[in-house]
Amino acid sequence: MPNYHGGMGTARERWQAAYEAAPRRPVPFETLSGIALEPVYGPSDGEHPGLWPYTRGPYASMYRTRLWTMRQFAGFGTAEDTNARFKDLLRAGGNGLSTAFDMPTLLGRDSDDPLARGEVGRAGVAVDTLADMETLFDGIDLGQVSTSMTINSAAAPVMAMYVGVADRTGVDRRRLSGTIQNDILKEYQAQKEYVFPPRPSVRLVTDLIRFASAELPRWHPVSVSGYHIREAGSTAAQELAFTLANGFAYVEAAVAAGLAVDRFAPRLSFFFNAHIDFFEEIAKYRAARRIWARWLRDRYGATAERSLQLRFHAQTAGVSLTAQQPEVNLARVALEALAAVLGGTQSLHTDSYDEALALPTERAARLALRTQQVVAEETGVAHVADPLGGSYLVESLTDELERQAEEVFALLLEAGNGSLLEGVLARIDDGWFCDEIADAAYRFQRKLAAGEWVLVGVNGHTDGDDGTGVPTLSVDPAVEARQLAKLATVKHARDDDAVRTALARLRAEAADPTVNLLPALIEAAAAHVTVGESMRALEEVWGTWTERAVA
């Protein structure tokens, strides 16, 4: 095995050298009683954080150097509304932004599309043009803040607008830091926000990977997302296996597009669910790191240490929240956040307690952020890397989840004649992923119905309020009218010839699979071509995809 850690010596000596080289936060690493805590515990010849196979964490010093990014998801109404929420979260101590887009934007539809009626600004922020993106980040230095954008089918045109804002405000593209989800495969498996057929959709993903590799060195062009797979009803093992399989598929697609694996793999990131089964979740994250390291090295030939280090964002499980007794969700979220931190997350979003009822209120969103801050500042769990490493239970669960994931990979390799990418595409086409997730969701629902799993406030301990007295966020119906008026103003003022030229270029280059579409999309964004117009131009070339009905 190549030495990815620098130098010779025992595992402990290599870890010690890496740990000593890292800066430390200026806090006392001790218990409340003053007992000094070591940065890691375990046998000197055992696994260590920051060393192969990274089961115990991607970095030698973990949170002693830097806490995870507290990235709170926000988005509603117009760009002005969300910009105000962003600034409130930053003032409250958040250090990363995470953007939720409304359903029309997610599906590549403009606010004036007849299919968008009644949905504009409802479940996220409406973004139609570069003007909206400029407003969304007005007064926020894109060179200083880390931004995440949760969007998939329309990820490329939205990313083009973000780059356009940087260009207009004088921020060097090399300073842009953050993540765009851009994980289209899980849309066919779970979330269903797809537009084009799978193959051209994967081409868009790889175009963004290629563009980021060349021009956005601090940007993560894909966040391979198990979160939505889990929210759709999968088990932890399915979330782990399907997510990593999708990640391997993107690696194969990028390599086929001409990129060396070590050129792009260090900028791939993952997004996992932090569910309520505490120890299983911790084991899931540990297994994910180990599997990714082994497959990237042994199957795809990666040699750079950063390629092998799986890094992930976690979000507490929205599906675990209840409308009944909603304040109890504060306890659920705290435990789920703790599991994510004990599992070594690099970034975390904590859900608001009222999200089973509506979009979160400002007060609820601030409480969610405070939950992370309590975990970080008061519990002491950030002082030691992988505190549960060596636990008989956690180690056994880690091994078992890895075993189950490998079974799935074997099935997909068989379906793809040795290719994970082809296997994933084949199983999307025949509905296998959807069947597996649906069966898992059904089995869990039967457990609830039988009382074999107690959900507090729902099928047990139901003597409490039903949530009717909880104040919720209401999106003013006037939001849609304001957004339509703004979009009409932009369309009236723009250069129609420039729009036609940009769209003609986009259609022509979409027909040539060797051309990277990001430059054409950036040109279109600068001409104030809308998200919907860019998506319709691509649709004219690629068509749309309809899921096969499975009996």
Protein backbone atom coordinates (compact mmCIF):
# COMPACT_ATOMS: atom_id res chain seq x y z
CA MET A 1 0.00 0.00 0.00
CA PRO A 2 1.40 3.43 -0.88
CA ASN A 3 2.24 5.66 2.06
CA TYR A 4 -0.29 8.49 1.82
CA HIS A 5 0.70 10.07 5.09
CA GLY A 6 4.27 11.24 4.62
CA GLY A 7 7.33 9.84 6.34
CA MET A 8 7.99 6.45 7.86
CA GLY A 9 7.33 4.96 11.26
CA THR A 10 4.36 3.49 13.07
CA ALA A 11 0.79 4.64 12.53
CA ARG A 12 0.99 6.52 15.80
CA GLU A 13 4.18 8.31 14.78
CA ARG A 14 2.75 9.29 11.40
CA TRP A 15 -0.44 10.53 13.02
CA GLN A 16 1.55 12.46 15.65
CA ALA A 17 3.56 14.24 12.96
CA ALA A 18 0.41 15.25 11.08
CA TYR A 19 -1.30 16.34 14.29
CA GLU A 20 1.62 18.49 15.41
CA ALA A 21 1.76 20.19 12.01
CA ALA A 22 -1.87 21.36 12.26
CA PRO A 23 -2.88 24.57 14.08
CA ARG A 24 -5.11 24.29 17.12
CA ARG A 25 -8.10 26.30 18.29
CA PRO A 26 -7.23 28.43 21.36
CA VAL A 27 -9.41 26.52 23.83
CA PRO A 28 -8.55 24.22 26.76
CA PHE A 29 -9.00 20.61 25.63
CA GLU A 30 -10.19 19.26 28.97
CA THR A 31 -13.35 18.18 30.76
CA LEU A 32 -15.49 20.51 32.83
CA SER A 33 -13.62 19.20 35.87
CA GLY A 34 -10.25 20.04 34.37
CA ILE A 35 -9.18 16.55 33.25
CA ALA A 36 -6.90 16.89 30.21
CA LEU A 37 -8.14 15.09 27.09
CA GLU A 38 -5.92 13.46 24.49
CA PRO A 39 -6.71 14.30 20.85
CA VAL A 40 -7.40 10.64 20.06
CA TYR A 41 -7.69 7.40 22.03
CA GLY A 42 -6.85 3.85 21.01
CA PRO A 43 -3.93 1.46 20.55
CA SER A 44 -0.76 2.98 19.09
CA ASP A 45 -0.75 0.45 16.23
CA GLY A 46 -4.46 0.90 15.47
CA GLU A 47 -6.27 3.20 13.04
CA HIS A 48 -5.89 6.94 13.56
CA PRO A 49 -7.78 9.95 12.17
CA GLY A 50 -6.16 11.42 9.09
CA LEU A 51 -4.51 8.10 8.18
CA TRP A 52 -5.56 5.36 5.79
CA PRO A 53 -8.33 4.21 5.55
CA TYR A 54 -9.75 7.32 7.29
CA THR A 55 -12.42 5.40 9.20
CA ARG A 56 -11.73 7.61 12.22
CA GLY A 57 -11.82 10.90 10.31
CA PRO A 58 -10.25 12.61 7.29
CA TYR A 59 -7.93 14.87 9.28
CA ALA A 60 -5.39 14.12 12.01
CA SER A 61 -6.50 16.96 14.30
CA MET A 62 -10.22 16.97 13.39
CA TYR A 63 -12.15 19.61 15.38
CA ARG A 64 -9.14 20.64 17.45
CA THR A 65 -8.04 22.65 14.42
CA ARG A 66 -11.42 23.81 13.19
CA LEU A 67 -15.04 23.17 14.07
CA TRP A 68 -17.42 21.97 11.39
CA THR A 69 -19.08 24.62 9.22
CA MET A 70 -22.46 25.58 10.69
CA ARG A 71 -24.37 25.90 7.44
CA GLN A 72 -28.06 26.68 7.95
CA PHE A 73 -30.43 26.02 5.03
CA ALA A 74 -32.46 29.11 4.12
CA GLY A 75 -34.64 30.27 1.28
CA PHE A 76 -38.15 31.61 0.83
CA GLY A 77 -40.04 34.26 -1.10
CA THR A 78 -38.02 36.68 -3.19
CA ALA A 79 -34.26 37.12 -3.31
CA GLU A 80 -34.67 40.17 -1.06
CA ASP A 81 -36.45 38.08 1.60
CA THR A 82 -33.78 35.38 1.63
CA ASN A 83 -30.94 37.89 1.58
CA ALA A 84 -32.31 39.30 4.85
CA ARG A 85 -32.46 35.79 6.39
CA PHE A 86 -28.90 35.07 5.24
CA LYS A 87 -27.64 38.19 6.97
CA ASP A 88 -29.54 37.33 10.15
CA LEU A 89 -27.94 33.86 10.27
CA LEU A 90 -24.48 35.33 9.70
CA ARG A 91 -25.03 37.84 12.52
CA ALA A 92 -26.15 34.96 14.78
CA GLY A 93 -22.82 33.19 14.30
CA GLY A 94 -23.40 30.99 11.26
CA ASN A 95 -20.32 30.70 9.08
CA GLY A 96 -21.77 29.22 5.91
CA LEU A 97 -24.82 29.85 3.74
CA SER A 98 -27.04 27.13 2.29
CA THR A 99 -29.57 28.11 -0.33
CA ALA A 100 -32.99 26.52 -0.76
CA PHE A 101 -34.64 27.26 -4.11
CA ASP A 102 -38.37 27.15 -4.80
CA MET A 103 -39.88 24.28 -6.76
CA PRO A 104 -40.09 26.09 -10.12
CA THR A 105 -36.38 26.96 -9.96
CA LEU A 106 -35.47 23.40 -8.93
CA LEU A 107 -37.32 22.09 -11.99
CA GLY A 108 -35.90 24.70 -14.34
CA ARG A 109 -39.13 26.66 -14.69
CA ASP A 110 -39.39 30.43 -14.57
CA SER A 111 -41.78 32.20 -12.23
CA ASP A 112 -43.98 33.24 -15.17
CA ASP A 113 -44.32 29.66 -16.42
CA PRO A 114 -47.98 28.52 -16.11
CA LEU A 115 -46.76 25.40 -14.27
CA ALA A 116 -45.16 27.62 -11.59
CA ARG A 117 -48.40 29.30 -10.59
CA GLY A 118 -48.93 29.15 -6.82
CA GLU A 119 -45.44 27.77 -6.12
CA VAL A 120 -43.28 30.88 -6.59
CA GLY A 121 -41.21 31.48 -3.47
CA ARG A 122 -43.15 28.90 -1.45
CA ALA A 123 -40.62 26.22 -0.56
CA GLY A 124 -37.49 28.23 -1.26
CA VAL A 125 -36.29 31.35 -3.00
CA ALA A 126 -37.30 32.17 -6.58
CA VAL A 127 -34.33 32.73 -8.91
CA ASP A 128 -35.08 33.42 -12.56
CA THR A 129 -32.23 35.62 -13.77
CA LEU A 130 -28.81 36.97 -12.91
CA ALA A 131 -30.58 39.98 -11.37
CA ASP A 132 -32.15 37.66 -8.75
CA MET A 133 -28.80 36.09 -7.95
CA GLU A 134 -27.24 39.52 -7.53
CA THR A 135 -30.00 40.50 -5.10
CA LEU A 136 -29.73 37.19 -3.23
CA PHE A 137 -26.10 37.87 -2.33
CA ASP A 138 -26.23 41.65 -2.15
CA GLY A 139 -23.89 42.92 0.56
CA ILE A 140 -22.28 39.48 1.01
CA ASP A 141 -18.68 39.04 -0.13
CA LEU A 142 -18.60 35.85 -2.19
CA GLY A 143 -14.85 35.70 -1.67
CA GLN A 144 -15.30 35.49 2.10
CA VAL A 145 -18.38 33.34 2.67
CA SER A 146 -18.83 29.65 1.88
CA THR A 147 -22.05 29.05 -0.04
CA SER A 148 -23.98 25.85 -0.65
CA MET A 149 -26.72 25.64 -3.27
CA THR A 150 -29.16 22.75 -3.20
CA ILE A 151 -30.21 22.28 -6.82
CA ASN A 152 -29.73 19.50 -9.34
CA SER A 153 -31.47 19.51 -12.73
CA ALA A 154 -30.91 23.25 -13.11
CA ALA A 155 -27.58 23.27 -11.25
CA ALA A 156 -25.48 24.28 -14.26
CA PRO A 157 -27.44 27.43 -15.24
CA VAL A 158 -27.77 28.47 -11.59
CA MET A 159 -24.02 27.96 -11.03
CA ALA A 160 -23.40 30.06 -14.15
CA MET A 161 -25.37 32.88 -12.52
CA TYR A 162 -23.36 32.58 -9.30
CA VAL A 163 -20.13 32.85 -11.28
CA GLY A 164 -21.69 35.81 -13.09
CA VAL A 165 -22.28 37.60 -9.77
CA ALA A 166 -18.63 37.04 -8.81
CA ASP A 167 -17.47 38.39 -12.17
CA ARG A 168 -19.65 41.50 -11.83
CA THR A 169 -18.56 42.23 -8.25
CA GLY A 170 -14.85 41.73 -8.95
CA VAL A 171 -14.41 38.51 -6.97
CA ASP A 172 -11.78 36.26 -8.51
CA ARG A 173 -13.34 32.92 -9.46
CA ARG A 174 -10.48 31.17 -7.67
CA ARG A 175 -11.73 32.64 -4.36
CA LEU A 176 -15.25 31.21 -4.67
CA SER A 177 -15.78 28.65 -1.92
CA GLY A 178 -18.72 26.33 -1.44
CA THR A 179 -20.73 23.49 -2.92
CA ILE A 180 -23.47 22.98 -5.45
CA GLN A 181 -25.39 19.74 -5.06
CA ASN A 182 -25.51 18.86 -8.78
CA ASP A 183 -26.26 15.19 -7.97
CA ILE A 184 -28.71 14.16 -10.66
CA LEU A 185 -28.55 10.37 -10.21
CA LYS A 186 -30.31 10.42 -6.85
CA GLU A 187 -33.11 12.47 -8.42
CA TYR A 188 -34.11 9.47 -10.54
CA GLN A 189 -33.76 7.22 -7.48
CA ALA A 190 -35.52 9.27 -4.82
CA GLN A 191 -36.31 12.99 -5.11
CA LYS A 192 -37.71 13.03 -8.69
CA GLU A 193 -36.68 16.57 -9.64
CA TYR A 194 -35.26 15.57 -13.01
CA VAL A 195 -35.89 17.07 -16.45
CA PHE A 196 -33.63 15.46 -19.05
CA PRO A 197 -32.83 11.77 -19.60
CA PRO A 198 -30.08 10.39 -17.34
CA ARG A 199 -27.20 10.34 -19.81
CA PRO A 200 -27.25 14.02 -20.91
CA SER A 201 -27.95 14.93 -17.29
CA VAL A 202 -24.74 13.16 -16.24
CA ARG A 203 -22.97 15.07 -19.00
CA LEU A 204 -24.05 18.35 -17.32
CA VAL A 205 -22.66 17.08 -14.02
CA THR A 206 -19.31 16.24 -15.58
CA ASP A 207 -19.19 19.56 -17.45
CA LEU A 208 -19.45 21.33 -14.11
CA ILE A 209 -16.78 19.05 -12.61
CA ARG A 210 -14.47 19.87 -15.52
CA PHE A 211 -15.17 23.60 -15.28
CA ALA A 212 -14.56 23.68 -11.52
CA SER A 213 -11.33 21.71 -11.90
CA ALA A 214 -10.07 24.36 -14.32
CA GLU A 215 -11.40 27.60 -12.84
CA LEU A 216 -12.91 27.09 -9.35
CA PRO A 217 -10.22 25.37 -7.25
CA ARG A 218 -12.05 25.97 -3.93
CA TRP A 219 -15.47 24.89 -5.18
CA HIS A 220 -17.10 21.48 -4.71
CA PRO A 221 -18.92 20.84 -8.03
CA VAL A 222 -20.89 17.83 -6.77
CA SER A 223 -22.34 16.98 -3.39
CA VAL A 224 -23.23 13.32 -3.74
CA SER A 225 -26.38 13.18 -1.71
CA GLY A 226 -27.72 10.32 0.36
CA TYR A 227 -29.93 12.71 2.29
CA HIS A 228 -32.87 12.54 -0.11
CA ILE A 229 -32.49 8.79 -0.52
CA ARG A 230 -32.95 8.44 3.24
CA GLU A 231 -35.80 10.95 3.34
CA ALA A 232 -37.60 8.86 0.70
CA GLY A 233 -37.61 5.92 3.11
CA SER A 234 -34.38 3.99 2.62
CA THR A 235 -32.46 2.24 5.38
CA ALA A 236 -29.09 3.53 6.56
CA ALA A 237 -27.37 0.72 4.63
CA GLN A 238 -29.21 1.65 1.42
CA GLU A 239 -28.38 5.31 1.90
CA LEU A 240 -24.71 4.41 2.31
CA ALA A 241 -24.59 2.02 -0.65
CA PHE A 242 -26.66 4.01 -3.15
CA THR A 243 -24.85 7.25 -2.35
CA LEU A 244 -21.36 5.82 -2.72
CA ALA A 245 -22.39 3.97 -5.90
CA ASN A 246 -23.51 7.30 -7.36
CA GLY A 247 -20.19 8.82 -6.31
CA PHE A 248 -18.27 6.07 -8.07
CA ALA A 249 -20.48 6.58 -11.14
CA TYR A 250 -19.51 10.26 -11.29
CA VAL A 251 -15.84 9.30 -10.96
CA GLU A 252 -16.19 7.00 -13.96
CA ALA A 253 -18.04 9.68 -15.96
CA ALA A 254 -15.38 12.32 -15.23
CA VAL A 255 -12.56 9.95 -16.11
CA ALA A 256 -14.35 9.07 -19.36
CA ALA A 257 -14.57 12.82 -20.07
CA GLY A 258 -10.78 13.01 -19.94
CA LEU A 259 -10.03 14.11 -16.37
CA ALA A 260 -7.38 12.40 -14.26
CA VAL A 261 -8.96 11.13 -11.05
CA ASP A 262 -6.62 13.08 -8.78
CA ARG A 263 -7.50 16.26 -10.69
CA PHE A 264 -11.15 16.28 -9.58
CA ALA A 265 -11.69 13.74 -6.78
CA PRO A 266 -10.33 16.06 -4.04
CA ARG A 267 -13.24 18.45 -4.74
CA LEU A 268 -16.00 15.85 -4.58
CA SER A 269 -18.08 16.01 -1.40
CA PHE A 270 -20.94 14.05 0.13
CA PHE A 271 -24.20 14.88 1.87
CA PHE A 272 -25.61 12.41 4.39
CA ASN A 273 -28.70 12.25 6.52
CA ALA A 274 -28.29 12.44 10.30
CA HIS A 275 -31.14 10.22 11.41
CA ILE A 276 -32.37 9.25 14.86
CA ASP A 277 -30.81 5.76 15.30
CA PHE A 278 -27.79 7.20 17.08
CA PHE A 279 -25.11 4.50 16.87
CA GLU A 280 -26.09 3.29 13.40
CA GLU A 281 -25.66 6.81 12.02
CA ILE A 282 -22.18 7.18 13.52
CA ALA A 283 -21.20 3.81 12.07
CA LYS A 284 -22.58 4.82 8.65
CA TYR A 285 -20.25 7.80 8.38
CA ARG A 286 -17.24 5.75 9.46
CA ALA A 287 -18.02 3.02 6.93
CA ALA A 288 -18.47 5.60 4.16
CA ARG A 289 -14.95 6.98 4.66
CA ARG A 290 -13.40 3.53 4.66
CA ILE A 291 -15.22 2.34 1.54
CA TRP A 292 -14.50 5.51 -0.43
CA ALA A 293 -10.78 5.39 0.36
CA ARG A 294 -10.45 1.75 -0.65
CA TRP A 295 -12.41 2.05 -3.90
CA LEU A 296 -10.73 5.26 -5.02
CA ARG A 297 -7.30 3.72 -4.48
CA ASP A 298 -7.84 0.15 -5.59
CA ARG A 299 -10.37 0.54 -8.41
CA TYR A 300 -9.85 4.06 -9.75
CA GLY A 301 -6.13 4.47 -9.14
CA ALA A 302 -6.20 7.61 -7.01
CA THR A 303 -2.91 8.39 -5.30
CA ALA A 304 -3.48 11.86 -3.84
CA GLU A 305 -4.43 11.76 -0.18
CA ARG A 306 -7.16 14.37 -0.69
CA SER A 307 -8.78 12.10 -3.28
CA LEU A 308 -9.11 9.34 -0.71
CA GLN A 309 -10.48 11.47 2.13
CA LEU A 310 -14.27 11.45 2.01
CA ARG A 311 -15.63 14.73 3.37
CA PHE A 312 -19.30 15.28 4.00
CA HIS A 313 -22.05 17.64 5.02
CA ALA A 314 -24.84 16.32 7.23
CA GLN A 315 -28.37 17.50 7.85
CA THR A 316 -30.63 16.28 10.59
CA ALA A 317 -33.49 14.15 9.35
CA GLY A 318 -36.47 16.17 8.22
CA VAL A 319 -38.48 12.96 7.95
CA SER A 320 -37.96 12.33 11.67
CA LEU A 321 -39.73 15.56 12.63
CA THR A 322 -43.35 15.43 13.76
CA ALA A 323 -46.19 17.92 13.48
CA GLN A 324 -47.49 16.50 16.76
CA GLN A 325 -45.78 17.95 19.83
CA PRO A 326 -43.34 19.87 17.59
CA GLU A 327 -41.19 21.14 20.48
CA VAL A 328 -40.03 17.53 20.96
CA ASN A 329 -38.25 17.97 17.62
CA LEU A 330 -35.68 20.09 19.45
CA ALA A 331 -34.55 16.95 21.29
CA ARG A 332 -34.50 14.88 18.10
CA VAL A 333 -32.44 17.46 16.26
CA ALA A 334 -29.94 17.77 19.11
CA LEU A 335 -29.35 14.00 19.20
CA GLU A 336 -29.07 13.76 15.42
CA ALA A 337 -26.61 16.66 15.35
CA LEU A 338 -24.55 14.99 18.07
CA ALA A 339 -24.39 11.78 16.01
CA ALA A 340 -23.18 13.71 12.96
CA VAL A 341 -20.41 15.36 15.00
CA LEU A 342 -19.36 12.09 16.67
CA GLY A 343 -19.26 10.61 13.15
CA GLY A 344 -16.90 13.36 11.98
CA THR A 345 -18.95 15.65 9.72
CA GLN A 346 -17.24 18.65 8.08
CA SER A 347 -20.45 20.69 7.81
CA LEU A 348 -23.85 20.54 9.48
CA HIS A 349 -27.37 21.87 9.12
CA THR A 350 -29.78 21.44 12.01
CA ASP A 351 -33.48 21.42 11.17
CA SER A 352 -35.86 23.81 12.88
CA TYR A 353 -38.45 22.30 15.22
CA ASP A 354 -41.37 23.76 13.24
CA GLU A 355 -40.43 22.36 9.81
CA ALA A 356 -43.08 19.63 9.90
CA LEU A 357 -45.60 22.48 9.91
CA ALA A 358 -44.11 25.07 7.55
CA LEU A 359 -40.92 26.78 6.50
CA PRO A 360 -39.03 27.73 9.68
CA THR A 361 -39.64 31.01 11.42
CA GLU A 362 -36.70 33.26 12.16
CA ARG A 363 -36.83 32.29 15.87
CA ALA A 364 -36.92 28.56 15.09
CA ALA A 365 -34.02 28.87 12.65
CA ARG A 366 -31.96 30.66 15.29
CA LEU A 367 -32.72 27.94 17.86
CA ALA A 368 -31.56 25.34 15.35
CA LEU A 369 -28.26 27.17 14.96
CA ARG A 370 -27.95 27.51 18.75
CA THR A 371 -28.32 23.73 18.99
CA GLN A 372 -25.15 23.30 16.93
CA GLN A 373 -23.38 25.90 19.04
CA VAL A 374 -24.27 24.05 22.26
CA VAL A 375 -22.87 20.82 20.80
CA ALA A 376 -19.71 22.65 19.72
CA GLU A 377 -19.07 24.83 22.75
CA GLU A 378 -20.59 23.08 25.77
CA THR A 379 -20.48 19.29 25.39
CA GLY A 380 -16.74 18.75 24.87
CA VAL A 381 -17.34 16.27 22.04
CA ALA A 382 -15.19 18.32 19.66
CA HIS A 383 -12.10 17.83 21.82
CA VAL A 384 -11.43 14.22 20.79
CA ALA A 385 -11.43 12.66 17.32
CA ASP A 386 -13.78 9.69 16.82
CA PRO A 387 -14.67 9.38 20.53
CA LEU A 388 -16.61 6.15 19.95
CA GLY A 389 -13.87 4.47 17.93
CA GLY A 390 -13.14 1.11 19.52
CA SER A 391 -16.65 0.71 20.88
CA TYR A 392 -17.66 -2.90 20.31
CA LEU A 393 -21.08 -1.77 19.12
CA VAL A 394 -19.92 0.99 16.78
CA GLU A 395 -17.12 -1.08 15.27
CA SER A 396 -19.48 -4.00 14.66
CA LEU A 397 -22.10 -1.76 13.04
CA THR A 398 -19.40 -0.13 10.88
CA ASP A 399 -18.30 -3.54 9.58
CA GLU A 400 -21.88 -4.70 8.95
CA LEU A 401 -22.89 -1.57 7.04
CA GLU A 402 -19.77 -1.90 4.93
CA ARG A 403 -20.62 -5.53 4.18
CA GLN A 404 -24.16 -4.65 3.10
CA ALA A 405 -22.90 -1.82 0.89
CA GLU A 406 -20.46 -4.14 -0.86
CA GLU A 407 -23.35 -6.49 -1.67
CA VAL A 408 -25.12 -3.63 -3.45
CA PHE A 409 -21.98 -2.67 -5.37
CA ALA A 410 -21.64 -6.26 -6.59
CA LEU A 411 -25.22 -6.21 -7.91
CA LEU A 412 -24.63 -2.91 -9.71
CA LEU A 413 -21.34 -4.08 -11.23
CA GLU A 414 -23.12 -7.14 -12.58
CA ALA A 415 -25.90 -4.99 -14.06
CA GLY A 416 -23.32 -2.68 -15.68
CA ASN A 417 -20.98 -5.40 -16.98
CA GLY A 418 -18.21 -4.19 -14.71
CA SER A 419 -19.10 -0.46 -14.70
CA LEU A 420 -20.73 1.23 -11.71
CA LEU A 421 -21.92 4.07 -13.95
CA GLU A 422 -23.63 1.71 -16.38
CA GLY A 423 -25.00 -0.37 -13.52
CA VAL A 424 -26.53 2.67 -11.82
CA LEU A 425 -28.06 3.85 -15.12
CA ALA A 426 -29.45 0.38 -15.84
CA ARG A 427 -31.03 0.12 -12.40
CA ILE A 428 -32.51 3.61 -12.70
CA ASP A 429 -34.07 2.58 -16.00
CA ASP A 430 -35.66 -0.60 -14.63
CA GLY A 431 -36.86 1.04 -11.40
CA TRP A 432 -34.77 -1.09 -9.04
CA PHE A 433 -33.67 1.77 -6.79
CA CYS A 434 -37.25 3.03 -6.40
CA ASP A 435 -38.48 -0.47 -5.59
CA GLU A 436 -35.80 -0.99 -2.93
CA ILE A 437 -36.52 2.34 -1.24
CA ALA A 438 -40.29 1.83 -1.39
CA ASP A 439 -40.00 -1.60 0.18
CA ALA A 440 -37.84 -0.23 3.01
CA ALA A 441 -40.29 2.60 3.65
CA TYR A 442 -43.19 0.13 3.73
CA ARG A 443 -41.43 -2.13 6.21
CA PHE A 444 -40.79 0.83 8.54
CA GLN A 445 -44.38 2.02 8.25
CA ARG A 446 -45.59 -1.43 9.25
CA LYS A 447 -43.34 -1.28 12.32
CA LEU A 448 -44.94 2.03 13.27
CA ALA A 449 -48.43 0.71 12.72
CA ALA A 450 -47.68 -2.35 14.86
CA GLY A 451 -46.08 -0.28 17.62
CA GLU A 452 -42.74 -2.04 17.14
CA TRP A 453 -41.08 1.37 16.77
CA VAL A 454 -42.34 4.18 18.97
CA LEU A 455 -42.49 7.68 17.52
CA VAL A 456 -43.11 10.01 20.44
CA GLY A 457 -46.29 12.00 20.02
CA VAL A 458 -47.46 9.92 17.07
CA ASN A 459 -47.98 6.30 18.15
CA GLY A 460 -46.81 6.66 21.75
CA HIS A 461 -46.78 9.23 24.52
CA THR A 462 -49.48 11.16 22.70
CA ASP A 463 -50.73 13.15 25.69
CA GLY A 464 -49.56 16.57 24.55
CA ASP A 465 -50.32 19.42 22.21
CA ASP A 466 -50.85 18.79 18.51
CA GLY A 467 -48.85 21.75 17.31
CA THR A 468 -51.79 24.00 16.57
CA GLY A 469 -50.48 26.77 18.81
CA VAL A 470 -47.03 26.98 17.23
CA PRO A 471 -46.47 30.15 15.20
CA THR A 472 -45.45 29.37 11.62
CA LEU A 473 -43.96 31.29 8.73
CA SER A 474 -46.44 32.44 6.12
CA VAL A 475 -45.27 33.41 2.65
CA ASP A 476 -47.26 36.43 1.47
CA PRO A 477 -49.17 35.68 -1.76
CA ALA A 478 -47.92 39.06 -2.99
CA VAL A 479 -44.45 37.48 -3.30
CA GLU A 480 -45.45 35.89 -6.59
CA ALA A 481 -46.73 39.16 -8.01
CA ARG A 482 -43.52 40.96 -7.02
CA GLN A 483 -41.36 38.27 -8.58
CA LEU A 484 -43.37 38.30 -11.81
CA ALA A 485 -43.06 42.07 -12.01
CA LYS A 486 -39.28 41.90 -11.50
CA LEU A 487 -38.91 39.20 -14.14
CA ALA A 488 -40.99 41.24 -16.63
CA THR A 489 -38.79 44.28 -16.00
CA VAL A 490 -35.59 42.29 -16.65
CA LYS A 491 -37.00 40.79 -19.85
CA HIS A 492 -38.10 44.19 -21.12
CA ALA A 493 -34.72 45.82 -20.45
CA ARG A 494 -32.40 43.11 -21.78
CA ASP A 495 -30.86 42.91 -25.26
CA ASP A 496 -33.04 40.49 -27.21
CA ASP A 497 -30.35 39.92 -29.85
CA ALA A 498 -27.87 38.90 -27.16
CA VAL A 499 -30.46 36.50 -25.73
CA ARG A 500 -31.08 34.88 -29.12
CA THR A 501 -27.34 34.57 -29.78
CA ALA A 502 -26.68 33.00 -26.37
CA LEU A 503 -29.50 30.48 -26.73
CA ALA A 504 -28.42 29.53 -30.25
CA ARG A 505 -24.90 28.87 -28.96
CA LEU A 506 -26.29 26.78 -26.11
CA ARG A 507 -28.39 24.61 -28.43
CA ALA A 508 -25.50 24.09 -30.84
CA GLU A 509 -23.03 23.13 -28.11
CA ALA A 510 -25.52 20.85 -26.37
CA ALA A 511 -25.57 18.77 -29.56
CA ASP A 512 -21.80 18.28 -29.34
CA PRO A 513 -20.95 16.04 -26.34
CA THR A 514 -17.28 17.09 -26.47
CA VAL A 515 -18.01 20.74 -25.62
CA ASN A 516 -18.21 21.98 -22.02
CA LEU A 517 -21.50 23.86 -21.65
CA LEU A 518 -20.52 26.09 -18.70
CA PRO A 519 -18.99 28.91 -20.79
CA ALA A 520 -22.14 29.07 -22.93
CA LEU A 521 -24.31 29.09 -19.81
CA ILE A 522 -22.22 31.89 -18.25
CA GLU A 523 -22.62 33.91 -21.44
CA ALA A 524 -26.36 33.29 -21.34
CA ALA A 525 -26.57 34.35 -17.68
CA ALA A 526 -24.72 37.59 -18.45
CA ALA A 527 -27.30 38.31 -21.18
CA HIS A 528 -30.07 37.81 -18.59
CA VAL A 529 -31.29 34.61 -20.19
CA THR A 530 -33.57 33.01 -17.62
CA VAL A 531 -33.09 29.64 -15.96
CA GLY A 532 -36.18 28.40 -17.78
CA GLU A 533 -34.99 29.61 -21.18
CA SER A 534 -31.65 27.85 -20.78
CA MET A 535 -33.36 24.65 -19.66
CA ARG A 536 -35.85 24.75 -22.56
CA ALA A 537 -32.99 25.21 -25.03
CA LEU A 538 -31.31 22.09 -23.68
CA GLU A 539 -34.63 20.26 -23.67
CA GLU A 540 -35.01 20.97 -27.41
CA VAL A 541 -31.79 19.02 -27.98
CA TRP A 542 -32.01 16.30 -25.32
CA GLY A 543 -35.72 15.82 -24.69
CA THR A 544 -37.25 15.00 -21.31
CA TRP A 545 -37.38 11.82 -19.27
CA THR A 546 -40.42 9.95 -18.01
CA GLU A 547 -40.04 7.40 -15.27
CA ARG A 548 -40.97 3.86 -16.24
CA ALA A 549 -44.02 2.61 -14.38
CA VAL A 550 -43.08 -0.48 -12.39
CA ALA A 551 -45.82 -2.92 -11.40
